[in-house]
């Protein structure tokens, strides 16, 4: 087996999932901008972005490690993984995952010190623990249909509201609603990913939500996850003149839904995943701009 190349390690970071970290931070910062006087705290916003991106990459490598040592990835049909393929030693993949968790932890500590809200250290610790035990440990909750709960809470509500709170010391309605939208789009990304691996996960006894509810219901849930954020967008359109422009994101979201509802092959689901991730990024950045400007 060949050793992992630089491109393999970059692939292991799963860069297509990074919009799920960028979007909530942008939305949380825009929501903070409404409350801050005279302006927003760009250093704190940057630190929040480092935390979110580091945890996203960390959980991706931790997932690679945990699924690999369990043998789950022997059934996968998507891109090969570092651990499962044997291209990298499991302990090396784990070390990289822990390094990104540590980077996110350091950035989080600095953010807490600057904001003065030291109780948030406990929240940060919970985020890191939840990220690892998503697929790590003896009883990973990602194997019991709770993955969507994790991404909704931590890459939706916590990331968005946390970004707002560390900048201005409070959370407004815009932050909670935007966080809900970001979390649902993150759930959609996870759902289409698990739809691609549904049969393989079933063989590996990995009980994702897609496995638990079945093929048809998973496709319907994906559609719901993508649709609700645009329903939430209607609220923003009432109060923000530029918010209607965010509906142009439907040009990406609708093809993702159509492909997911009709797709049968792994490449189709991978394309839908990319489009959904792009939807999350465009929606988040677009709505953030509409709120702030």
Protein backbone atom coordinates (compact mmCIF):
# COMPACT_ATOMS: atom_id res chain seq x y z
CA UNK A 1 0.00 0.00 0.00
CA UNK A 2 1.41 3.39 -1.00
CA UNK A 3 1.90 6.05 1.64
CA UNK A 4 -0.51 8.96 1.83
CA UNK A 5 0.50 11.95 -0.27
CA UNK A 6 -0.10 15.60 0.50
CA UNK A 7 -3.21 15.50 -1.68
CA UNK A 8 -4.48 12.50 0.32
CA UNK A 9 -4.11 14.44 3.55
CA UNK A 10 -5.85 17.45 2.03
CA UNK A 11 -8.62 15.14 0.87
CA UNK A 12 -8.84 13.73 4.40
CA UNK A 13 -9.63 17.22 5.67
CA UNK A 14 -12.79 17.08 3.46
CA UNK A 15 -12.57 20.70 2.39
CA UNK A 16 -16.04 20.55 0.87
CA UNK A 17 -17.44 20.51 4.41
CA UNK A 18 -15.68 23.73 5.50
CA UNK A 19 -18.61 25.95 4.42
CA UNK A 20 -20.44 24.41 7.38
CA UNK A 21 -17.88 26.14 9.62
CA UNK A 22 -17.62 29.42 7.71
CA UNK A 23 -21.36 30.07 7.30
CA UNK A 24 -22.39 30.19 10.99
CA UNK A 25 -19.45 32.42 11.93
CA UNK A 26 -20.36 34.86 9.16
CA UNK A 27 -24.00 34.87 10.28
CA UNK A 28 -23.08 35.25 13.95
CA UNK A 29 -20.75 38.14 13.18
CA UNK A 30 -23.38 39.91 11.09
CA UNK A 31 -25.88 39.50 13.91
CA UNK A 32 -23.33 40.94 16.35
CA UNK A 33 -22.81 43.89 14.00
CA UNK A 34 -26.43 44.89 14.61
CA UNK A 35 -25.83 45.10 18.36
CA UNK A 36 -22.29 46.43 18.54
CA UNK A 37 -21.38 50.08 18.99
CA UNK A 38 -19.29 51.49 17.42
CA UNK A 39 -18.38 48.36 15.44
CA UNK A 40 -17.82 44.62 15.42
CA UNK A 41 -14.80 42.85 16.91
CA UNK A 42 -12.95 41.52 13.87
CA UNK A 43 -10.26 39.79 15.94
CA UNK A 44 -12.88 37.84 17.88
CA UNK A 45 -14.67 37.01 14.63
CA UNK A 46 -11.41 35.68 13.18
CA UNK A 47 -10.76 33.60 16.29
CA UNK A 48 -14.29 32.17 16.12
CA UNK A 49 -13.60 31.22 12.50
CA UNK A 50 -10.36 29.46 13.51
CA UNK A 51 -12.26 27.55 16.20
CA UNK A 52 -15.03 26.48 13.83
CA UNK A 53 -12.76 25.48 10.94
CA UNK A 54 -10.31 23.65 13.24
CA UNK A 55 -13.11 21.64 14.84
CA UNK A 56 -14.59 20.82 11.44
CA UNK A 57 -11.28 19.53 10.12
CA UNK A 58 -10.56 17.80 13.41
CA UNK A 59 -13.86 15.93 13.39
CA UNK A 60 -13.24 14.89 9.78
CA UNK A 61 -9.87 13.34 10.64
CA UNK A 62 -11.29 11.82 13.83
CA UNK A 63 -14.09 10.28 11.77
CA UNK A 64 -11.50 8.89 9.33
CA UNK A 65 -9.57 7.35 12.23
CA UNK A 66 -12.55 5.92 14.12
CA UNK A 67 -14.33 4.46 11.09
CA UNK A 68 -11.03 3.10 9.83
CA UNK A 69 -10.06 1.18 12.95
CA UNK A 70 -13.60 -0.20 13.24
CA UNK A 71 -13.47 -1.50 9.68
CA UNK A 72 -16.52 0.54 8.71
CA UNK A 73 -14.76 2.06 5.71
CA UNK A 74 -14.12 -1.31 4.08
CA UNK A 75 -17.65 -1.07 2.69
CA UNK A 76 -17.57 2.56 1.54
CA UNK A 77 -18.09 3.55 -2.09
CA UNK A 78 -16.99 7.19 -1.81
CA UNK A 79 -13.44 8.57 -1.83
CA UNK A 80 -10.98 6.33 0.03
CA UNK A 81 -10.01 7.26 3.56
CA UNK A 82 -6.53 7.55 5.02
CA UNK A 83 -6.99 4.94 7.75
CA UNK A 84 -9.36 2.57 6.00
CA UNK A 85 -7.21 2.39 2.87
CA UNK A 86 -4.03 1.80 4.85
CA UNK A 87 -2.35 4.84 3.29
CA UNK A 88 -1.67 6.32 6.73
CA UNK A 89 -1.11 4.82 10.16
CA UNK A 90 -4.15 5.13 12.43
CA UNK A 91 -2.15 6.81 15.20
CA UNK A 92 -0.88 9.41 12.72
CA UNK A 93 -4.42 10.24 11.61
CA UNK A 94 -5.50 10.45 15.25
CA UNK A 95 -2.57 12.73 16.04
CA UNK A 96 -3.56 15.09 13.22
CA UNK A 97 -7.16 15.12 14.46
CA UNK A 98 -6.02 15.94 17.99
CA UNK A 99 -3.72 18.66 16.65
CA UNK A 100 -6.65 20.42 15.00
CA UNK A 101 -8.74 20.01 18.16
CA UNK A 102 -5.86 21.56 20.08
CA UNK A 103 -5.62 24.44 17.60
CA UNK A 104 -9.33 25.07 17.96
CA UNK A 105 -8.99 24.85 21.75
CA UNK A 106 -6.17 27.41 21.87
CA UNK A 107 -8.07 29.82 19.63
CA UNK A 108 -11.13 29.30 21.81
CA UNK A 109 -9.22 30.08 25.01
CA UNK A 110 -7.88 33.30 23.50
CA UNK A 111 -11.40 34.20 22.36
CA UNK A 112 -12.77 33.61 25.86
CA UNK A 113 -10.03 35.69 27.45
CA UNK A 114 -10.70 38.58 25.08
CA UNK A 115 -14.44 38.41 25.62
CA UNK A 116 -14.22 37.88 29.38
CA UNK A 117 -16.93 35.19 29.40
CA UNK A 118 -14.92 32.43 31.07
CA UNK A 119 -17.89 30.09 31.46
CA UNK A 120 -17.66 29.58 27.70
CA UNK A 121 -14.58 27.43 28.36
CA UNK A 122 -17.00 24.69 29.44
CA UNK A 123 -18.95 25.09 26.20
CA UNK A 124 -15.75 24.81 24.19
CA UNK A 125 -14.75 21.66 26.05
CA UNK A 126 -18.15 20.11 25.32
CA UNK A 127 -17.74 20.98 21.63
CA UNK A 128 -14.39 19.18 21.43
CA UNK A 129 -15.63 16.13 23.33
CA UNK A 130 -18.76 15.96 21.16
CA UNK A 131 -16.65 16.26 18.01
CA UNK A 132 -14.47 13.30 18.98
CA UNK A 133 -17.23 11.01 20.24
CA UNK A 134 -19.30 11.58 17.10
CA UNK A 135 -17.67 8.42 15.74
CA UNK A 136 -15.05 7.81 18.46
CA UNK A 137 -15.18 5.75 21.63
CA UNK A 138 -16.99 2.50 22.34
CA UNK A 139 -20.47 3.91 21.76
CA UNK A 140 -20.23 6.75 19.21
CA UNK A 141 -23.52 8.60 18.99
CA UNK A 142 -23.07 9.01 15.24
CA UNK A 143 -23.72 5.27 15.01
CA UNK A 144 -27.10 5.69 16.70
CA UNK A 145 -28.77 8.18 14.37
CA UNK A 146 -27.72 11.28 16.33
CA UNK A 147 -25.25 12.77 13.85
CA UNK A 148 -27.77 15.31 12.58
CA UNK A 149 -28.46 16.42 16.15
CA UNK A 150 -24.73 17.06 16.62
CA UNK A 151 -24.28 19.14 13.48
CA UNK A 152 -27.50 21.10 14.08
CA UNK A 153 -26.58 22.02 17.63
CA UNK A 154 -22.84 22.62 17.27
CA UNK A 155 -22.45 23.77 13.65
CA UNK A 156 -25.73 25.66 13.73
CA UNK A 157 -26.90 27.11 17.02
CA UNK A 158 -23.69 27.02 19.07
CA UNK A 159 -21.41 28.28 16.29
CA UNK A 160 -23.72 31.13 15.29
CA UNK A 161 -24.98 32.23 18.69
CA UNK A 162 -21.54 31.68 20.21
CA UNK A 163 -19.94 33.96 17.63
CA UNK A 164 -22.49 36.65 18.38
CA UNK A 165 -22.18 36.29 22.15
CA UNK A 166 -18.39 36.48 22.27
CA UNK A 167 -18.51 39.77 20.39
CA UNK A 168 -21.33 41.62 22.11
CA UNK A 169 -22.28 39.64 25.23
CA UNK A 170 -25.82 38.83 24.11
CA UNK A 171 -27.68 36.95 21.39
CA UNK A 172 -30.47 38.41 19.27
CA UNK A 173 -33.32 36.85 17.32
CA UNK A 174 -31.39 37.17 14.06
CA UNK A 175 -28.58 35.03 15.45
CA UNK A 176 -30.88 32.25 16.64
CA UNK A 177 -32.84 32.12 13.39
CA UNK A 178 -29.72 32.29 11.24
CA UNK A 179 -28.15 29.57 13.38
CA UNK A 180 -31.20 27.38 12.85
CA UNK A 181 -30.91 27.84 9.08
CA UNK A 182 -27.17 27.09 9.11
CA UNK A 183 -27.71 24.01 11.27
CA UNK A 184 -30.39 22.61 8.99
CA UNK A 185 -28.20 23.02 5.92
CA UNK A 186 -25.41 21.23 7.78
CA UNK A 187 -27.90 18.43 8.50
CA UNK A 188 -28.69 18.29 4.78
CA UNK A 189 -25.00 17.86 3.92
CA UNK A 190 -24.68 15.01 6.42
CA UNK A 191 -27.90 13.38 5.22
CA UNK A 192 -26.92 13.27 1.54
CA UNK A 193 -23.49 11.95 2.54
CA UNK A 194 -25.13 9.15 4.53
CA UNK A 195 -27.58 8.47 1.71
CA UNK A 196 -24.62 7.74 -0.53
CA UNK A 197 -23.29 5.25 2.03
CA UNK A 198 -26.66 3.90 3.19
CA UNK A 199 -26.26 0.28 2.10
CA UNK A 200 -22.60 0.19 3.08
CA UNK A 201 -23.35 1.64 6.53
CA UNK A 202 -26.10 -0.92 6.98
CA UNK A 203 -23.62 -3.72 6.27
CA UNK A 204 -21.14 -2.18 8.70
CA UNK A 205 -23.89 -1.84 11.36
CA UNK A 206 -23.41 1.93 11.38
CA UNK A 207 -26.92 3.11 12.25
CA UNK A 208 -27.01 6.60 10.81
CA UNK A 209 -30.31 8.43 10.61
CA UNK A 210 -30.47 7.47 6.94
CA UNK A 211 -30.15 3.80 7.87
CA UNK A 212 -32.76 4.10 10.62
CA UNK A 213 -35.47 5.84 8.56
CA UNK A 214 -34.69 4.27 5.18
CA UNK A 215 -33.99 5.47 1.67
CA UNK A 216 -37.23 7.26 0.81
CA UNK A 217 -37.68 9.02 4.16
CA UNK A 218 -34.05 10.14 4.07
CA UNK A 219 -34.60 11.85 0.73
CA UNK A 220 -37.69 13.57 2.10
CA UNK A 221 -35.82 14.68 5.22
CA UNK A 222 -33.03 16.09 3.07
CA UNK A 223 -35.59 18.15 1.17
CA UNK A 224 -37.06 19.42 4.44
CA UNK A 225 -33.60 20.34 5.76
CA UNK A 226 -32.90 22.39 2.63
CA UNK A 227 -36.36 23.98 2.42
CA UNK A 228 -36.80 25.33 5.96
CA UNK A 229 -33.85 27.77 5.77
CA UNK A 230 -35.58 29.49 2.84
CA UNK A 231 -38.79 29.68 4.89
CA UNK A 232 -36.74 31.35 7.64
CA UNK A 233 -35.35 33.69 5.01
CA UNK A 234 -38.85 35.14 4.56
CA UNK A 235 -38.57 36.61 8.09
CA UNK A 236 -35.35 38.38 7.17
CA UNK A 237 -36.91 39.70 3.97
CA UNK A 238 -39.48 41.58 6.06
CA UNK A 239 -36.80 43.54 7.92
CA UNK A 240 -33.77 43.61 5.59
CA UNK A 241 -34.02 45.07 2.10
CA UNK A 242 -31.21 42.98 0.62
CA UNK A 243 -32.34 39.64 2.08
CA UNK A 244 -34.49 38.70 -0.97
CA UNK A 245 -31.30 38.43 -3.04
CA UNK A 246 -30.37 35.37 -0.98
CA UNK A 247 -33.16 33.49 -2.76
CA UNK A 248 -30.79 33.29 -5.74
CA UNK A 249 -29.14 30.51 -3.73
CA UNK A 250 -32.07 28.37 -4.84
CA UNK A 251 -30.33 28.11 -8.21
CA UNK A 252 -27.89 25.79 -6.45
CA UNK A 253 -30.23 24.32 -3.84
CA UNK A 254 -32.94 23.13 -6.23
CA UNK A 255 -30.56 21.01 -8.36
CA UNK A 256 -29.19 19.50 -5.14
CA UNK A 257 -32.70 18.52 -4.08
CA UNK A 258 -33.62 17.11 -7.51
CA UNK A 259 -30.43 15.02 -7.66
CA UNK A 260 -30.95 13.73 -4.12
CA UNK A 261 -34.58 12.80 -4.77
CA UNK A 262 -33.79 10.96 -7.99
CA UNK A 263 -30.17 9.88 -7.61
CA UNK A 264 -29.15 6.23 -7.62
CA UNK A 265 -25.35 6.23 -7.87
CA UNK A 266 -22.56 7.41 -5.59
CA UNK A 267 -21.31 10.09 -8.05
CA UNK A 268 -24.79 11.61 -8.12
CA UNK A 269 -24.90 11.85 -4.33
CA UNK A 270 -21.38 13.28 -4.24
CA UNK A 271 -22.48 15.99 -6.68
CA UNK A 272 -25.54 16.67 -4.53
CA UNK A 273 -23.29 16.91 -1.47
CA UNK A 274 -21.06 19.48 -3.18
CA UNK A 275 -24.07 21.52 -4.28
CA UNK A 276 -25.58 21.39 -0.79
CA UNK A 277 -22.32 22.51 0.78
CA UNK A 278 -22.15 25.36 -1.74
CA UNK A 279 -25.75 26.24 -0.86
CA UNK A 280 -24.78 26.49 2.82
CA UNK A 281 -21.87 28.79 1.96
CA UNK A 282 -23.81 31.08 -0.39
CA UNK A 283 -26.80 31.22 1.94
CA UNK A 284 -24.64 32.03 4.96
CA UNK A 285 -22.46 34.66 3.32
CA UNK A 286 -25.38 36.17 1.42
CA UNK A 287 -27.62 36.47 4.46
CA UNK A 288 -24.74 37.79 6.57
CA UNK A 289 -24.16 40.54 4.02
CA UNK A 290 -27.89 41.34 3.93
CA UNK A 291 -28.02 41.64 7.72
CA UNK A 292 -24.86 43.70 8.14
CA UNK A 293 -25.18 46.00 5.12
